[in-house]
Amino acid sequence: MNIKIEGPLLDQSSTCVPILRLLPEWFGIEAVILDYERDIGHLPTFLAKEAGSLLGFLSLKQHYPFSAEIYVMAVRPEAHHGGIGRALVAAAETHARGLGVEYMQVKTLGPSRPDDGFARTRAFYEAVGYRPLEEFKQIWDKNNPCLVLVKRL
């Protein structure tokens, strides 16, 4: 694959939301998709493309001068395991370092609610250097425990 990363770009909601809709096992709640659609529009977003075709994206949210979050990332199902997620994370981390960010975080479904898809998500983030910090039941709700993973840049 010859992946090209573009970004950071703003106003990418209409480009990115269709990929979320291809991944109902991770993004199957309509209200959540609409929240992402609203937020992606004003967040710096990185696009992974091959031959002009969008394969995935990552939106970054900076909370404080020294901390940022991988707010949402999605890769087309047929492009999973092709290095796209790694390339997107690397681009976002490079950008964040340039802004003076020292710590990155990502939130995902915690392991106390077994789910094969989210187990793969957690394994991916751990493979790129993120470490579990804590699982919270009050961030989303008690049925959707939120695992916060962190990485020092």
N, C-alpha and C. Protein backbone atom coordinates (compact mmCIF):
# COMPACT_ATOMS: atom_id res chain seq x y z
N MET A 1 0.84 -1.19 0.00
CA MET A 1 0.00 0.00 0.00
C MET A 1 0.87 1.24 0.00
N ASN A 2 0.43 2.25 -0.72
CA ASN A 2 1.10 3.54 -0.76
C ASN A 2 0.17 4.56 -0.11
N ILE A 3 0.22 4.61 1.22
CA ILE A 3 -0.68 5.45 2.00
C ILE A 3 -0.13 6.86 2.10
N LYS A 4 -0.99 7.83 1.86
CA LYS A 4 -0.63 9.24 2.01
C LYS A 4 -1.50 9.81 3.13
N ILE A 5 -0.87 10.47 4.09
CA ILE A 5 -1.61 11.11 5.18
C ILE A 5 -1.70 12.60 4.88
N GLU A 6 -2.92 13.13 4.92
CA GLU A 6 -3.16 14.56 4.73
C GLU A 6 -3.64 15.14 6.06
N GLY A 7 -3.23 16.35 6.35
CA GLY A 7 -3.73 17.02 7.54
C GLY A 7 -2.62 17.60 8.37
N PRO A 8 -3.06 18.29 9.40
CA PRO A 8 -4.43 18.36 9.93
C PRO A 8 -5.32 19.28 9.11
N LEU A 9 -6.56 18.86 8.94
CA LEU A 9 -7.57 19.60 8.20
C LEU A 9 -8.78 19.82 9.08
N LEU A 10 -9.51 20.89 8.84
CA LEU A 10 -10.78 21.15 9.53
C LEU A 10 -11.93 20.86 8.57
N ASP A 11 -13.15 20.87 9.08
CA ASP A 11 -14.37 20.72 8.27
C ASP A 11 -14.39 19.42 7.47
N GLN A 12 -14.08 18.30 8.14
CA GLN A 12 -14.02 17.01 7.45
C GLN A 12 -15.18 16.08 7.80
N SER A 13 -16.21 16.58 8.46
CA SER A 13 -17.32 15.72 8.89
C SER A 13 -17.94 14.94 7.74
N SER A 14 -18.25 15.62 6.66
CA SER A 14 -18.93 14.94 5.55
C SER A 14 -18.04 13.90 4.89
N THR A 15 -16.75 14.06 5.00
CA THR A 15 -15.79 13.11 4.46
C THR A 15 -15.67 11.88 5.36
N CYS A 16 -15.69 12.11 6.68
CA CYS A 16 -15.37 11.06 7.65
C CYS A 16 -16.56 10.24 8.13
N VAL A 17 -17.71 10.86 8.28
CA VAL A 17 -18.86 10.14 8.85
C VAL A 17 -19.25 8.90 8.04
N PRO A 18 -19.15 8.90 6.72
CA PRO A 18 -19.47 7.66 6.00
C PRO A 18 -18.61 6.47 6.43
N ILE A 19 -17.37 6.71 6.84
CA ILE A 19 -16.54 5.60 7.32
C ILE A 19 -17.07 5.09 8.65
N LEU A 20 -17.51 5.98 9.53
CA LEU A 20 -18.09 5.55 10.80
C LEU A 20 -19.28 4.62 10.55
N ARG A 21 -20.07 4.95 9.57
CA ARG A 21 -21.27 4.15 9.27
C ARG A 21 -20.94 2.77 8.71
N LEU A 22 -19.71 2.59 8.22
CA LEU A 22 -19.27 1.27 7.74
C LEU A 22 -18.85 0.35 8.89
N LEU A 23 -18.80 0.90 10.11
CA LEU A 23 -18.27 0.16 11.26
C LEU A 23 -19.28 0.11 12.40
N PRO A 24 -20.47 -0.51 12.17
CA PRO A 24 -21.50 -0.50 13.20
C PRO A 24 -21.11 -1.24 14.47
N GLU A 25 -20.16 -2.18 14.40
CA GLU A 25 -19.76 -2.88 15.61
C GLU A 25 -18.98 -1.97 16.56
N TRP A 26 -18.44 -0.85 16.05
CA TRP A 26 -17.76 0.13 16.89
C TRP A 26 -18.56 1.42 17.00
N PHE A 27 -19.26 1.78 15.94
CA PHE A 27 -19.98 3.05 15.90
C PHE A 27 -21.44 2.79 15.52
N GLY A 28 -22.15 2.03 16.35
CA GLY A 28 -23.50 1.62 16.02
C GLY A 28 -24.60 2.43 16.66
N ILE A 29 -24.24 3.46 17.41
CA ILE A 29 -25.25 4.27 18.09
C ILE A 29 -25.39 5.59 17.34
N GLU A 30 -26.56 5.82 16.77
CA GLU A 30 -26.78 6.99 15.92
C GLU A 30 -26.46 8.30 16.63
N ALA A 31 -26.87 8.44 17.87
CA ALA A 31 -26.60 9.69 18.61
C ALA A 31 -25.10 9.94 18.74
N VAL A 32 -24.34 8.89 18.88
CA VAL A 32 -22.88 9.03 18.99
C VAL A 32 -22.30 9.46 17.64
N ILE A 33 -22.77 8.88 16.56
CA ILE A 33 -22.31 9.28 15.23
C ILE A 33 -22.61 10.76 15.00
N LEU A 34 -23.79 11.20 15.40
CA LEU A 34 -24.14 12.62 15.23
C LEU A 34 -23.25 13.52 16.08
N ASP A 35 -22.88 13.08 17.27
CA ASP A 35 -21.93 13.85 18.09
C ASP A 35 -20.58 13.93 17.39
N TYR A 36 -20.10 12.81 16.87
CA TYR A 36 -18.83 12.83 16.13
C TYR A 36 -18.93 13.75 14.92
N GLU A 37 -20.04 13.68 14.21
CA GLU A 37 -20.22 14.53 13.03
C GLU A 37 -20.10 16.01 13.40
N ARG A 38 -20.73 16.39 14.49
CA ARG A 38 -20.66 17.78 14.96
C ARG A 38 -19.23 18.15 15.33
N ASP A 39 -18.56 17.29 16.06
CA ASP A 39 -17.25 17.62 16.61
C ASP A 39 -16.13 17.55 15.58
N ILE A 40 -16.17 16.58 14.68
CA ILE A 40 -15.11 16.45 13.68
C ILE A 40 -14.97 17.74 12.87
N GLY A 41 -16.07 18.44 12.67
CA GLY A 41 -16.05 19.67 11.87
C GLY A 41 -15.09 20.73 12.37
N HIS A 42 -14.83 20.77 13.66
CA HIS A 42 -13.93 21.80 14.19
C HIS A 42 -12.65 21.24 14.81
N LEU A 43 -12.41 19.94 14.64
CA LEU A 43 -11.19 19.33 15.18
C LEU A 43 -10.19 19.09 14.06
N PRO A 44 -8.89 19.21 14.37
CA PRO A 44 -7.89 18.86 13.37
C PRO A 44 -8.00 17.37 13.04
N THR A 45 -8.12 17.08 11.77
CA THR A 45 -8.37 15.72 11.31
C THR A 45 -7.33 15.33 10.27
N PHE A 46 -6.87 14.10 10.38
CA PHE A 46 -5.90 13.53 9.45
C PHE A 46 -6.62 12.50 8.60
N LEU A 47 -6.35 12.53 7.29
CA LEU A 47 -6.98 11.60 6.36
C LEU A 47 -5.92 10.67 5.79
N ALA A 48 -6.21 9.39 5.75
CA ALA A 48 -5.33 8.40 5.12
C ALA A 48 -5.94 8.05 3.77
N LYS A 49 -5.15 8.26 2.72
CA LYS A 49 -5.64 8.00 1.37
C LYS A 49 -4.65 7.14 0.60
N GLU A 50 -5.21 6.39 -0.33
CA GLU A 50 -4.40 5.66 -1.30
C GLU A 50 -5.03 5.89 -2.66
N ALA A 51 -4.24 6.39 -3.58
CA ALA A 51 -4.73 6.69 -4.93
C ALA A 51 -5.98 7.57 -4.88
N GLY A 52 -5.99 8.51 -3.94
CA GLY A 52 -7.10 9.45 -3.82
C GLY A 52 -8.32 8.92 -3.08
N SER A 53 -8.32 7.65 -2.73
CA SER A 53 -9.46 7.05 -2.04
C SER A 53 -9.25 7.11 -0.53
N LEU A 54 -10.25 7.58 0.20
CA LEU A 54 -10.16 7.69 1.66
C LEU A 54 -10.26 6.31 2.30
N LEU A 55 -9.25 5.97 3.09
CA LEU A 55 -9.22 4.68 3.78
C LEU A 55 -9.51 4.81 5.26
N GLY A 56 -9.20 5.97 5.83
CA GLY A 56 -9.40 6.16 7.25
C GLY A 56 -9.13 7.59 7.67
N PHE A 57 -9.43 7.87 8.93
CA PHE A 57 -9.20 9.21 9.46
C PHE A 57 -8.98 9.15 10.96
N LEU A 58 -8.44 10.24 11.48
CA LEU A 58 -8.24 10.41 12.91
C LEU A 58 -8.47 11.88 13.23
N SER A 59 -9.29 12.16 14.24
CA SER A 59 -9.50 13.53 14.71
C SER A 59 -8.86 13.67 16.09
N LEU A 60 -8.19 14.79 16.27
CA LEU A 60 -7.42 15.06 17.48
C LEU A 60 -8.08 16.17 18.27
N LYS A 61 -8.14 16.00 19.58
CA LYS A 61 -8.74 17.01 20.44
C LYS A 61 -7.72 17.40 21.51
N GLN A 62 -7.35 18.67 21.53
CA GLN A 62 -6.39 19.14 22.52
C GLN A 62 -7.16 19.71 23.71
N HIS A 63 -6.93 19.11 24.88
CA HIS A 63 -7.64 19.53 26.08
C HIS A 63 -6.93 20.66 26.81
N TYR A 64 -5.62 20.56 26.91
CA TYR A 64 -4.77 21.54 27.60
C TYR A 64 -3.50 21.68 26.77
N PRO A 65 -2.67 22.68 27.06
CA PRO A 65 -1.45 22.85 26.25
C PRO A 65 -0.56 21.60 26.21
N PHE A 66 -0.58 20.78 27.25
CA PHE A 66 0.32 19.64 27.31
C PHE A 66 -0.38 18.29 27.13
N SER A 67 -1.68 18.30 26.80
CA SER A 67 -2.38 17.03 26.63
C SER A 67 -3.37 17.09 25.48
N ALA A 68 -3.47 15.96 24.79
CA ALA A 68 -4.41 15.84 23.67
C ALA A 68 -4.97 14.42 23.65
N GLU A 69 -6.00 14.25 22.86
CA GLU A 69 -6.72 12.98 22.79
C GLU A 69 -6.94 12.57 21.35
N ILE A 70 -6.76 11.29 21.08
CA ILE A 70 -7.26 10.73 19.83
C ILE A 70 -8.76 10.64 20.05
N TYR A 71 -9.47 11.61 19.54
CA TYR A 71 -10.90 11.74 19.81
C TYR A 71 -11.71 10.66 19.10
N VAL A 72 -11.38 10.43 17.83
CA VAL A 72 -12.04 9.38 17.07
C VAL A 72 -11.11 8.97 15.93
N MET A 73 -11.07 7.68 15.68
CA MET A 73 -10.30 7.15 14.55
C MET A 73 -11.10 6.01 13.96
N ALA A 74 -11.11 5.94 12.65
CA ALA A 74 -11.82 4.85 11.97
C ALA A 74 -11.11 4.54 10.66
N VAL A 75 -11.08 3.26 10.34
CA VAL A 75 -10.48 2.78 9.10
C VAL A 75 -11.49 1.86 8.42
N ARG A 76 -11.64 2.03 7.12
CA ARG A 76 -12.57 1.18 6.36
C ARG A 76 -12.29 -0.29 6.66
N PRO A 77 -13.33 -1.10 6.82
CA PRO A 77 -13.12 -2.51 7.20
C PRO A 77 -12.17 -3.27 6.28
N GLU A 78 -12.28 -3.05 4.98
CA GLU A 78 -11.43 -3.79 4.04
C GLU A 78 -9.97 -3.36 4.11
N ALA A 79 -9.68 -2.26 4.81
CA ALA A 79 -8.31 -1.75 4.92
C ALA A 79 -7.69 -2.03 6.29
N HIS A 80 -8.43 -2.72 7.17
CA HIS A 80 -7.87 -3.06 8.49
C HIS A 80 -6.61 -3.90 8.30
N HIS A 81 -5.69 -3.74 9.23
CA HIS A 81 -4.43 -4.49 9.27
C HIS A 81 -3.50 -4.15 8.11
N GLY A 82 -3.66 -2.94 7.57
CA GLY A 82 -2.80 -2.50 6.47
C GLY A 82 -1.84 -1.38 6.86
N GLY A 83 -1.74 -1.08 8.15
CA GLY A 83 -0.83 -0.02 8.60
C GLY A 83 -1.43 1.37 8.61
N ILE A 84 -2.70 1.48 8.27
CA ILE A 84 -3.34 2.79 8.18
C ILE A 84 -3.50 3.41 9.56
N GLY A 85 -3.99 2.64 10.52
CA GLY A 85 -4.14 3.17 11.88
C GLY A 85 -2.82 3.63 12.44
N ARG A 86 -1.77 2.83 12.26
CA ARG A 86 -0.44 3.21 12.74
C ARG A 86 0.03 4.52 12.11
N ALA A 87 -0.19 4.66 10.80
CA ALA A 87 0.22 5.87 10.09
C ALA A 87 -0.56 7.09 10.60
N LEU A 88 -1.85 6.92 10.84
CA LEU A 88 -2.67 8.02 11.35
C LEU A 88 -2.22 8.43 12.75
N VAL A 89 -1.99 7.45 13.62
CA VAL A 89 -1.54 7.76 14.98
C VAL A 89 -0.19 8.46 14.94
N ALA A 90 0.73 7.97 14.12
CA ALA A 90 2.05 8.60 14.02
C ALA A 90 1.94 10.05 13.56
N ALA A 91 1.09 10.32 12.58
CA ALA A 91 0.92 11.69 12.09
C ALA A 91 0.33 12.60 13.17
N ALA A 92 -0.66 12.09 13.88
CA ALA A 92 -1.29 12.88 14.96
C ALA A 92 -0.30 13.15 16.08
N GLU A 93 0.50 12.14 16.45
CA GLU A 93 1.48 12.33 17.51
C GLU A 93 2.56 13.33 17.10
N THR A 94 3.01 13.26 15.86
CA THR A 94 4.01 14.22 15.37
C THR A 94 3.45 15.64 15.43
N HIS A 95 2.22 15.80 14.99
CA HIS A 95 1.57 17.11 15.03
C HIS A 95 1.45 17.60 16.48
N ALA A 96 1.01 16.72 17.37
CA ALA A 96 0.82 17.09 18.77
C ALA A 96 2.15 17.49 19.42
N ARG A 97 3.21 16.74 19.14
CA ARG A 97 4.55 17.10 19.66
C ARG A 97 4.93 18.52 19.21
N GLY A 98 4.63 18.83 17.96
CA GLY A 98 4.93 20.16 17.43
C GLY A 98 4.18 21.27 18.15
N LEU A 99 3.06 20.93 18.76
CA LEU A 99 2.28 21.90 19.54
C LEU A 99 2.73 21.95 21.00
N GLY A 100 3.69 21.11 21.36
CA GLY A 100 4.14 21.06 22.74
C GLY A 100 3.41 20.07 23.62
N VAL A 101 2.58 19.23 23.01
CA VAL A 101 1.84 18.22 23.78
C VAL A 101 2.82 17.17 24.31
N GLU A 102 2.66 16.83 25.57
CA GLU A 102 3.51 15.83 26.21
C GLU A 102 2.80 14.50 26.44
N TYR A 103 1.47 14.54 26.56
CA TYR A 103 0.70 13.33 26.86
C TYR A 103 -0.48 13.22 25.92
N MET A 104 -0.66 11.99 25.41
CA MET A 104 -1.83 11.70 24.58
C MET A 104 -2.68 10.69 25.33
N GLN A 105 -3.97 10.74 25.05
CA GLN A 105 -4.89 9.75 25.59
C GLN A 105 -5.85 9.30 24.51
N VAL A 106 -6.45 8.16 24.76
CA VAL A 106 -7.52 7.66 23.91
C VAL A 106 -8.49 6.94 24.83
N LYS A 107 -9.78 7.04 24.52
CA LYS A 107 -10.81 6.36 25.30
C LYS A 107 -11.45 5.29 24.42
N THR A 108 -11.71 4.13 25.02
CA THR A 108 -12.37 3.05 24.31
C THR A 108 -13.14 2.21 25.32
N LEU A 109 -13.94 1.30 24.81
CA LEU A 109 -14.72 0.44 25.69
C LEU A 109 -13.79 -0.40 26.56
N GLY A 110 -14.05 -0.41 27.86
CA GLY A 110 -13.20 -1.11 28.81
C GLY A 110 -13.37 -2.62 28.79
N PRO A 111 -12.37 -3.33 29.30
CA PRO A 111 -12.39 -4.78 29.26
C PRO A 111 -13.40 -5.44 30.20
N SER A 112 -13.99 -4.67 31.12
CA SER A 112 -14.99 -5.29 32.00
C SER A 112 -16.29 -5.60 31.25
N ARG A 113 -16.42 -5.08 30.04
CA ARG A 113 -17.52 -5.47 29.16
C ARG A 113 -16.92 -6.18 27.96
N PRO A 114 -16.88 -7.49 27.99
CA PRO A 114 -16.23 -8.26 26.92
C PRO A 114 -16.83 -7.96 25.55
N ASP A 115 -15.93 -7.73 24.59
CA ASP A 115 -16.33 -7.46 23.22
C ASP A 115 -15.11 -7.71 22.35
N ASP A 116 -15.21 -8.62 21.39
CA ASP A 116 -14.07 -8.98 20.57
C ASP A 116 -13.52 -7.80 19.76
N GLY A 117 -14.40 -6.99 19.20
CA GLY A 117 -13.96 -5.84 18.42
C GLY A 117 -13.17 -4.85 19.25
N PHE A 118 -13.68 -4.55 20.44
CA PHE A 118 -12.99 -3.59 21.29
C PHE A 118 -11.75 -4.20 21.94
N ALA A 119 -11.70 -5.52 22.07
CA ALA A 119 -10.46 -6.16 22.52
C ALA A 119 -9.37 -5.92 21.47
N ARG A 120 -9.73 -5.99 20.20
CA ARG A 120 -8.76 -5.70 19.12
C ARG A 120 -8.36 -4.23 19.14
N THR A 121 -9.33 -3.35 19.43
CA THR A 121 -9.02 -1.92 19.52
C THR A 121 -7.99 -1.68 20.63
N ARG A 122 -8.24 -2.25 21.80
CA ARG A 122 -7.30 -2.07 22.92
C ARG A 122 -5.92 -2.63 22.56
N ALA A 123 -5.89 -3.79 21.92
CA ALA A 123 -4.61 -4.39 21.52
C ALA A 123 -3.87 -3.49 20.54
N PHE A 124 -4.60 -2.87 19.61
CA PHE A 124 -3.96 -1.94 18.67
C PHE A 124 -3.31 -0.78 19.42
N TYR A 125 -4.06 -0.13 20.29
CA TYR A 125 -3.50 1.02 20.99
C TYR A 125 -2.32 0.63 21.87
N GLU A 126 -2.39 -0.52 22.49
CA GLU A 126 -1.24 -0.97 23.29
C GLU A 126 -0.04 -1.24 22.38
N ALA A 127 -0.27 -1.75 21.19
CA ALA A 127 0.83 -2.02 20.25
C ALA A 127 1.52 -0.75 19.77
N VAL A 128 0.81 0.38 19.78
CA VAL A 128 1.43 1.65 19.38
C VAL A 128 1.84 2.49 20.59
N GLY A 129 1.91 1.85 21.76
CA GLY A 129 2.51 2.50 22.92
C GLY A 129 1.59 3.08 23.96
N TYR A 130 0.28 2.91 23.81
CA TYR A 130 -0.66 3.44 24.81
C TYR A 130 -0.82 2.41 25.93
N ARG A 131 -0.95 2.90 27.14
CA ARG A 131 -1.06 2.03 28.30
C ARG A 131 -2.35 2.31 29.05
N PRO A 132 -3.05 1.26 29.50
CA PRO A 132 -4.29 1.48 30.27
C PRO A 132 -4.00 2.26 31.53
N LEU A 133 -4.81 3.28 31.78
CA LEU A 133 -4.67 4.10 32.98
C LEU A 133 -5.74 3.72 33.99
N GLU A 134 -7.00 3.78 33.55
CA GLU A 134 -8.10 3.48 34.46
C GLU A 134 -9.38 3.27 33.65
N GLU A 135 -10.25 2.42 34.19
CA GLU A 135 -11.57 2.20 33.60
C GLU A 135 -12.60 2.94 34.45
N PHE A 136 -13.44 3.73 33.78
CA PHE A 136 -14.46 4.53 34.46
C PHE A 136 -15.84 4.10 34.00
N LYS A 137 -16.75 3.95 34.95
CA LYS A 137 -18.14 3.62 34.59
C LYS A 137 -19.01 4.87 34.53
N GLN A 138 -18.49 6.01 34.99
CA GLN A 138 -19.29 7.23 35.03
C GLN A 138 -19.07 8.16 33.83
N ILE A 139 -18.10 7.87 32.96
CA ILE A 139 -17.86 8.75 31.82
C ILE A 139 -18.96 8.57 30.78
N TRP A 140 -19.22 7.33 30.36
CA TRP A 140 -20.28 7.09 29.39
C TRP A 140 -21.52 6.60 30.13
N ASP A 141 -21.51 5.39 30.61
CA ASP A 141 -22.55 4.88 31.50
C ASP A 141 -22.10 3.52 32.03
N LYS A 142 -22.83 2.99 33.01
CA LYS A 142 -22.40 1.77 33.68
C LYS A 142 -22.34 0.56 32.75
N ASN A 143 -23.11 0.59 31.65
CA ASN A 143 -23.10 -0.51 30.69
C ASN A 143 -22.00 -0.36 29.64
N ASN A 144 -21.38 0.80 29.60
CA ASN A 144 -20.32 1.09 28.63
C ASN A 144 -19.11 1.66 29.37
N PRO A 145 -18.36 0.80 30.07
CA PRO A 145 -17.21 1.30 30.82
C PRO A 145 -16.15 1.88 29.88
N CYS A 146 -15.62 3.02 30.26
CA CYS A 146 -14.65 3.74 29.45
C CYS A 146 -13.24 3.47 29.97
N LEU A 147 -12.42 2.89 29.13
CA LEU A 147 -11.02 2.69 29.46
C LEU A 147 -10.22 3.85 28.89
N VAL A 148 -9.46 4.52 29.74
CA VAL A 148 -8.57 5.58 29.30
C VAL A 148 -7.17 4.99 29.18
N LEU A 149 -6.59 5.14 27.99
CA LEU A 149 -5.21 4.72 27.74
C LEU A 149 -4.38 5.98 27.51
N VAL A 150 -3.14 5.98 27.97
CA VAL A 150 -2.28 7.16 27.85
C VAL A 150 -0.93 6.80 27.27
N LYS A 151 -0.27 7.83 26.74
CA LYS A 151 1.08 7.69 26.20
C LYS A 151 1.83 8.99 26.41
N ARG A 152 3.05 8.89 26.90
CA ARG A 152 3.92 10.07 26.99
C ARG A 152 4.63 10.21 25.65
N LEU A 153 4.52 11.39 25.04
CA LEU A 153 5.16 11.62 23.74
C LEU A 153 6.62 11.96 23.90
